[in-house]
Each structure stands twice: as structure tokens, then as C-alpha cells.
Amino acid sequence: MANAEQEALELVFKQPTFASRVFSQKTILNTISVVSVFVAWTLLVHFQVYRFSLLPSPVEVLEWGREWVTTKIFWIDAGMTTARVLVGVTAAYVIGIPLGLMIGWKKVFSDLTFPMLEILRPIPAPAYLPIAILLLPWQEASVAFIPFIDALFPVLLNTIIGVKLIDRDYFRAAQCLGSSPRQIFWHVVLPGALPSISSGCAIGMGIGWMGAVVGEMITGKWGLGYRIWESYILIRYPLIIDGMIAIGILGFASSMLIRYLTIRLIPWRRAITESLDESITK
């Protein structure tokens, strides 16, 4: 047990070198997975397997994409979509995390709010769009409302679960030591729920990108989602895939940002995860 704790502490302060990151088994396997997808895509299009003959080849997509990224339209689209995602998802964090902490911690608050939230949760985000357009006169607000709704419930539910999973002995120990409710919240509830909150934030960010694209396809005039739908109508199929790749890259970057912040805020979580990974692979 002591050895496991020592290994976890060493991993917290362990700083991997650049070379170890580049040539690590994880990086190599990740590269192989991406390259294999493009190789399979090229072969399926080249040999016209099933209906893949209708799709553009990776070379065509690369040529169209290289031209697209040099235009102002691309940067406006990427900027608009990113802004909508960040506004919507940030609002989901600001509302979902405090609400989840209160629902998970206080039974009275849970009884008051949780049933209504469970009724609203199964409703798909696009179904809220007509109401958002009616209530929010600014078009940008109605589009950003979709990633907000999409991200809200993963953040909320993960926060609630994080609080529920805290060992009750911690609460009893804090009370025995004379801690006030405020001290219990800051020193027991919030730190104990942080790992689950970070998972909810990562999931919410990914789903938020999906919601933004759907909203742009329906009501947007700018954005990557709107450009994908326009490219389909105008039979510019390479741009459809270019738009999808752009969304994937931006979504990946935002997920890496969440992961970076998680490591900074909860260093012990990375240590535990890496320790478990090493024990599994041995």
C-alpha cells in the first residue's frame, strides 16, 4: 500500500521529457489509428467500394481545404462556431456545477429541483430551438443556447454523482471537528466532487460542439455547421469533410484544454490514472 502511494506521489511531480512524449507507445498507436483511417478511406474511394465512389478522396479534400483555410470565410466560420461553443458551454459550467453541488449535497434542494430536471433532460436540444428563438431576440443567443442545453445535463449529472460518491465518513469527521457548513462545502464537497466535475466538463465540451453545429445548420448564417450544410446543397462535397475535420480539430483542442486544466487543478487524478494504466499493462 505504501509503495502504491509513493508511486502515485512520484507521478504527480514527474515531468515527462519531450522525446518520451513523442516516441511513447501511446503517441505511436494514436498516429497509427489516424493514418489507418485515411489509408482505408483512400482505398475505399479508389476501388469504388459500395457507394464510396460518391465521396471525394483525401487528396481532393486536402486540396479544397488548403484553399479554404486561406480565405477569410474559413476564419470567420471557425471563429463564430468556437465563440458559440465557448459561450454556451461556459454558461453550462456556471449554472450546472453550482446547481449540481447543491442538489448532491442538500436533500431538500434535490427534492425541489431534481424531478423537473429529469423531465427536461430527455428532450433533445434542437427541440428547444423554437422556444429559444421566441425568447431570445438576438440570433447568436438562440444558436449558443443549443450547446448550452447539450452541455448542461452532463455537467449537472456528473457533479451530482461526484458529490454522492463522497465517503460519508468525511462529512461526519468534519462535523466532529466543528466545521461549519461553509467549511464543509469548501474542504469536503468541492474537492471530493472535482474529479467527477472534470469528467462532466470534458463530456459537456464535446457535446457542446455537436449542439453548435446543429444550431448553425438550422438557423445560422455563419459557422462551420452552416458551411457544411451549404456545401452539401451546392455539391461541394470536399468542403463537407473539410468542415468536419475542422470541427474535429477544434473540438480536440478544446478537450485538451479541459484536460490541461484538470491536471493543474487535480494533479492526483492524473497520478492515479497513470498508476492504474501501468498496473493494467504490466
Protein backbone atom coordinates (compact mmCIF):
# COMPACT_ATOMS: atom_id res chain seq x y z
CA MET A 1 0.00 0.00 0.00
CA ALA A 2 2.83 2.37 0.93
CA ASN A 3 4.61 1.59 -2.35
CA ALA A 4 1.48 2.37 -4.36
CA GLU A 5 1.08 5.70 -2.55
CA GLN A 6 4.75 6.53 -3.15
CA GLU A 7 4.40 5.75 -6.87
CA ALA A 8 1.30 7.95 -7.10
CA LEU A 9 3.12 10.86 -5.43
CA GLU A 10 6.10 10.45 -7.76
CA LEU A 11 3.78 10.55 -10.78
CA VAL A 12 2.26 13.84 -9.58
CA PHE A 13 5.63 15.59 -9.75
CA LYS A 14 7.04 13.57 -12.62
CA GLN A 15 7.67 15.72 -15.71
CA PRO A 16 7.98 13.63 -18.90
CA THR A 17 10.54 14.81 -21.45
CA PHE A 18 9.62 15.92 -24.96
CA ALA A 19 11.29 12.87 -26.51
CA SER A 20 9.43 10.47 -24.22
CA ARG A 21 6.14 12.08 -25.23
CA VAL A 22 6.85 11.97 -28.98
CA PHE A 23 8.09 8.37 -29.05
CA SER A 24 5.80 6.95 -26.39
CA GLN A 25 3.72 3.88 -27.15
CA LYS A 26 0.54 5.93 -26.77
CA THR A 27 1.64 8.53 -29.34
CA ILE A 28 2.71 5.87 -31.83
CA LEU A 29 -0.58 3.98 -31.51
CA ASN A 30 -2.57 7.20 -31.84
CA THR A 31 -0.69 8.06 -35.03
CA ILE A 32 -1.26 4.59 -36.46
CA SER A 33 -5.01 4.82 -35.81
CA VAL A 34 -5.30 8.17 -37.62
CA VAL A 35 -3.16 7.09 -40.58
CA SER A 36 -5.06 3.80 -40.94
CA VAL A 37 -8.36 5.68 -41.28
CA PHE A 38 -7.00 7.78 -44.15
CA VAL A 39 -5.47 4.74 -45.85
CA ALA A 40 -8.77 2.83 -45.63
CA TRP A 41 -10.65 5.90 -46.91
CA THR A 42 -8.29 6.20 -49.91
CA LEU A 43 -8.65 2.53 -50.82
CA LEU A 44 -12.45 2.52 -50.49
CA VAL A 45 -12.79 5.55 -52.77
CA HIS A 46 -10.18 4.33 -55.25
CA PHE A 47 -11.75 0.88 -55.69
CA GLN A 48 -15.28 2.36 -55.58
CA VAL A 49 -16.45 0.04 -52.83
CA TYR A 50 -20.24 0.25 -52.37
CA ARG A 51 -21.16 3.98 -52.52
CA PHE A 52 -17.76 5.32 -51.53
CA SER A 53 -17.31 6.35 -55.16
CA LEU A 54 -19.58 9.31 -54.34
CA LEU A 55 -17.14 10.60 -51.73
CA PRO A 56 -14.10 12.75 -52.53
CA SER A 57 -10.66 11.27 -51.99
CA PRO A 58 -8.35 12.51 -49.23
CA VAL A 59 -6.26 14.27 -51.89
CA GLU A 60 -9.29 16.26 -53.10
CA VAL A 61 -10.25 17.11 -49.55
CA LEU A 62 -6.71 18.29 -48.84
CA GLU A 63 -6.63 20.49 -51.95
CA TRP A 64 -10.00 22.10 -51.19
CA GLY A 65 -9.09 22.50 -47.54
CA ARG A 66 -5.75 24.13 -48.30
CA GLU A 67 -7.53 26.71 -50.43
CA TRP A 68 -10.34 27.18 -47.91
CA VAL A 69 -8.11 27.95 -44.91
CA THR A 70 -6.51 30.83 -46.84
CA THR A 71 -9.84 32.65 -47.13
CA LYS A 72 -11.47 34.99 -44.62
CA ILE A 73 -14.64 32.88 -44.77
CA PHE A 74 -12.95 29.95 -43.05
CA TRP A 75 -11.61 32.02 -40.17
CA ILE A 76 -14.94 33.79 -39.69
CA ASP A 77 -16.75 30.43 -39.69
CA ALA A 78 -14.27 28.85 -37.28
CA GLY A 79 -14.32 31.89 -35.01
CA MET A 80 -18.12 32.08 -34.93
CA THR A 81 -18.53 28.39 -34.12
CA THR A 82 -15.83 28.47 -31.46
CA ALA A 83 -17.37 31.55 -29.84
CA ARG A 84 -20.83 29.96 -29.76
CA VAL A 85 -19.44 26.78 -28.20
CA LEU A 86 -17.44 28.65 -25.58
CA VAL A 87 -20.35 30.92 -24.63
CA GLY A 88 -22.85 28.06 -24.42
CA VAL A 89 -20.57 25.59 -22.63
CA THR A 90 -19.24 28.21 -20.21
CA ALA A 91 -22.82 29.12 -19.29
CA ALA A 92 -23.49 25.41 -18.72
CA TYR A 93 -20.49 25.23 -16.38
CA VAL A 94 -21.53 28.35 -14.47
CA ILE A 95 -25.07 27.03 -13.93
CA GLY A 96 -24.56 23.26 -13.89
CA ILE A 97 -21.69 22.97 -11.41
CA PRO A 98 -23.17 25.04 -8.53
CA LEU A 99 -26.61 23.55 -9.14
CA GLY A 100 -25.19 20.02 -9.15
CA LEU A 101 -23.25 20.64 -5.96
CA MET A 102 -26.38 21.85 -4.18
CA ILE A 103 -28.56 19.00 -5.49
CA GLY A 104 -25.97 16.41 -4.50
CA TRP A 105 -25.30 17.92 -1.08
CA LYS A 106 -28.70 19.10 0.17
CA LYS A 107 -31.59 16.62 0.05
CA VAL A 108 -34.20 19.39 0.30
CA PHE A 109 -32.73 21.11 -2.74
CA SER A 110 -32.60 17.78 -4.56
CA ASP A 111 -36.27 17.05 -3.85
CA LEU A 112 -37.18 20.54 -5.05
CA THR A 113 -35.31 20.62 -8.38
CA PHE A 114 -34.24 17.15 -9.49
CA PRO A 115 -37.65 15.81 -10.68
CA MET A 116 -38.16 18.74 -13.05
CA LEU A 117 -34.63 18.43 -14.37
CA GLU A 118 -35.21 14.74 -15.06
CA ILE A 119 -38.29 15.66 -17.11
CA LEU A 120 -36.32 18.20 -19.16
CA ARG A 121 -33.21 16.02 -19.63
CA PRO A 122 -34.57 13.57 -22.28
CA ILE A 123 -35.75 16.41 -24.54
CA PRO A 124 -33.25 16.76 -27.43
CA ALA A 125 -31.56 20.14 -27.68
CA PRO A 126 -32.91 21.02 -31.17
CA ALA A 127 -36.44 20.80 -29.74
CA TYR A 128 -35.60 23.81 -27.57
CA LEU A 129 -34.59 25.89 -30.60
CA PRO A 130 -38.05 27.32 -31.49
CA ILE A 131 -38.53 28.39 -27.85
CA ALA A 132 -35.04 29.89 -27.80
CA ILE A 133 -35.77 31.89 -30.97
CA LEU A 134 -39.01 33.20 -29.46
CA LEU A 135 -37.48 34.13 -26.09
CA LEU A 136 -34.05 35.30 -27.24
CA PRO A 137 -34.38 38.03 -29.88
CA TRP A 138 -30.67 38.01 -30.69
CA GLN A 139 -29.93 35.25 -33.19
CA GLU A 140 -26.50 34.48 -31.75
CA ALA A 141 -28.04 33.83 -28.35
CA SER A 142 -30.51 31.33 -29.80
CA VAL A 143 -27.71 29.43 -31.58
CA ALA A 144 -25.49 29.42 -28.46
CA PHE A 145 -28.45 28.12 -26.46
CA ILE A 146 -28.16 24.71 -28.15
CA PRO A 147 -24.60 23.93 -26.94
CA PHE A 148 -25.66 25.30 -23.55
CA ILE A 149 -28.51 22.79 -23.22
CA ASP A 150 -26.39 19.97 -24.64
CA ALA A 151 -23.57 20.59 -22.16
CA LEU A 152 -25.72 21.42 -19.14
CA PHE A 153 -27.01 17.97 -18.25
CA PRO A 154 -23.69 16.05 -18.50
CA VAL A 155 -22.07 18.68 -16.28
CA LEU A 156 -25.00 18.71 -13.88
CA LEU A 157 -25.35 14.94 -13.53
CA ASN A 158 -21.61 14.31 -13.18
CA THR A 159 -21.43 16.95 -10.47
CA ILE A 160 -24.35 15.37 -8.59
CA ILE A 161 -22.77 11.91 -8.86
CA GLY A 162 -19.42 13.29 -7.71
CA VAL A 163 -20.99 14.64 -4.52
CA LYS A 164 -23.00 11.46 -3.91
CA LEU A 165 -19.85 9.32 -4.16
CA ILE A 166 -18.00 11.20 -1.41
CA ASP A 167 -17.49 8.95 1.60
CA ARG A 168 -19.98 9.94 4.32
CA ASP A 169 -17.24 9.48 6.92
CA TYR A 170 -15.61 12.68 5.62
CA PHE A 171 -18.75 14.65 6.44
CA ARG A 172 -19.01 13.10 9.89
CA ALA A 173 -15.34 13.76 10.61
CA ALA A 174 -15.67 17.40 9.54
CA GLN A 175 -18.72 17.84 11.75
CA CYS A 176 -16.96 16.25 14.72
CA LEU A 177 -14.11 18.73 14.27
CA GLY A 178 -16.59 21.60 14.45
CA SER A 179 -16.56 22.59 10.78
CA SER A 180 -19.28 24.95 9.63
CA PRO A 181 -21.44 24.13 6.57
CA ARG A 182 -19.38 26.62 4.58
CA GLN A 183 -16.12 24.92 5.58
CA ILE A 184 -17.58 21.50 4.78
CA PHE A 185 -18.53 22.75 1.33
CA TRP A 186 -15.10 24.18 0.51
CA HIS A 187 -12.98 21.45 2.11
CA VAL A 188 -15.08 18.30 1.61
CA VAL A 189 -17.83 18.69 -1.01
CA LEU A 190 -15.99 20.65 -3.70
CA PRO A 191 -12.62 18.80 -3.59
CA GLY A 192 -14.37 15.43 -3.39
CA ALA A 193 -16.55 16.15 -6.41
CA LEU A 194 -13.80 17.72 -8.57
CA PRO A 195 -12.78 14.53 -10.44
CA SER A 196 -16.37 13.85 -11.48
CA ILE A 197 -16.92 17.53 -12.31
CA SER A 198 -13.90 17.50 -14.62
CA SER A 199 -15.30 14.45 -16.44
CA GLY A 200 -18.63 16.21 -16.85
CA CYS A 201 -16.88 19.32 -18.19
CA ALA A 202 -14.98 17.26 -20.78
CA ILE A 203 -18.14 15.44 -21.89
CA GLY A 204 -20.09 18.70 -21.98
CA MET A 205 -17.46 20.37 -24.13
CA GLY A 206 -17.60 17.58 -26.72
CA ILE A 207 -21.39 17.51 -26.84
CA GLY A 208 -21.41 21.32 -26.98
CA TRP A 209 -19.62 21.21 -30.33
CA MET A 210 -22.29 18.86 -31.67
CA GLY A 211 -25.02 21.21 -30.49
CA ALA A 212 -23.40 24.26 -32.04
CA VAL A 213 -23.13 22.58 -35.44
CA VAL A 214 -26.79 21.50 -35.33
CA GLY A 215 -27.87 25.01 -34.37
CA GLU A 216 -25.84 26.55 -37.19
CA MET A 217 -27.31 24.16 -39.74
CA ILE A 218 -30.83 25.20 -38.72
CA THR A 219 -30.59 28.93 -38.02
CA GLY A 220 -27.01 30.09 -38.53
CA LYS A 221 -25.73 32.25 -41.37
CA TRP A 222 -22.10 31.80 -40.44
CA GLY A 223 -20.19 28.98 -38.81
CA LEU A 224 -18.76 25.60 -39.71
CA GLY A 225 -22.13 23.86 -39.36
CA TYR A 226 -23.77 26.30 -41.74
CA ARG A 227 -20.87 25.94 -44.21
CA ILE A 228 -21.16 22.14 -44.17
CA TRP A 229 -24.86 22.30 -44.98
CA GLU A 230 -24.29 24.93 -47.68
CA SER A 231 -21.57 22.76 -49.23
CA TYR A 232 -23.98 19.83 -49.39
CA ILE A 233 -26.60 21.95 -51.18
CA LEU A 234 -24.01 23.36 -53.62
CA ILE A 235 -22.48 19.88 -54.20
CA ARG A 236 -19.10 20.90 -52.79
CA TYR A 237 -18.53 17.56 -51.13
CA PRO A 238 -14.83 18.05 -50.28
CA LEU A 239 -15.76 21.09 -48.19
CA ILE A 240 -18.19 18.97 -46.18
CA ILE A 241 -15.35 16.74 -45.00
CA ASP A 242 -13.05 19.74 -44.56
CA GLY A 243 -15.65 21.27 -42.27
CA MET A 244 -15.94 18.02 -40.32
CA ILE A 245 -12.17 17.84 -39.93
CA ALA A 246 -12.03 21.47 -38.76
CA ILE A 247 -14.71 20.76 -36.14
CA GLY A 248 -12.83 17.66 -35.02
CA ILE A 249 -9.54 19.55 -34.64
CA LEU A 250 -11.15 22.43 -32.74
CA GLY A 251 -13.08 20.01 -30.55
CA PHE A 252 -9.90 18.05 -29.85
CA ALA A 253 -8.09 21.27 -28.92
CA SER A 254 -10.85 22.27 -26.51
CA SER A 255 -10.81 18.80 -24.93
CA MET A 256 -7.04 19.07 -24.47
CA LEU A 257 -7.59 22.43 -22.77
CA ILE A 258 -10.02 20.82 -20.33
CA ARG A 259 -7.53 18.01 -19.72
CA TYR A 260 -4.72 20.50 -19.09
CA LEU A 261 -6.82 22.43 -16.59
CA THR A 262 -7.82 19.15 -14.91
CA ILE A 263 -4.17 18.18 -14.44
CA ARG A 264 -3.44 21.60 -12.96
CA LEU A 265 -6.43 21.61 -10.62
CA ILE A 266 -6.45 17.89 -9.74
CA PRO A 267 -2.86 16.58 -10.11
CA TRP A 268 -3.60 13.48 -8.02
CA ARG A 269 -6.16 12.31 -10.58
CA ARG A 270 -3.51 12.06 -13.32
CA ALA A 271 -1.26 10.18 -10.93
CA ILE A 272 -3.96 7.66 -10.07
CA THR A 273 -4.92 7.18 -13.73
CA GLU A 274 -1.34 6.64 -14.89
CA SER A 275 -0.66 4.29 -11.99
CA LEU A 276 -3.71 2.21 -12.92
CA ASP A 277 -2.71 2.21 -16.61
CA GLU A 278 0.75 0.94 -15.75
CA SER A 279 -0.59 -1.79 -13.47
CA ILE A 280 -3.01 -2.95 -16.18
CA THR A 281 -0.37 -3.10 -18.92
CA LYS A 282 2.15 -5.00 -16.78
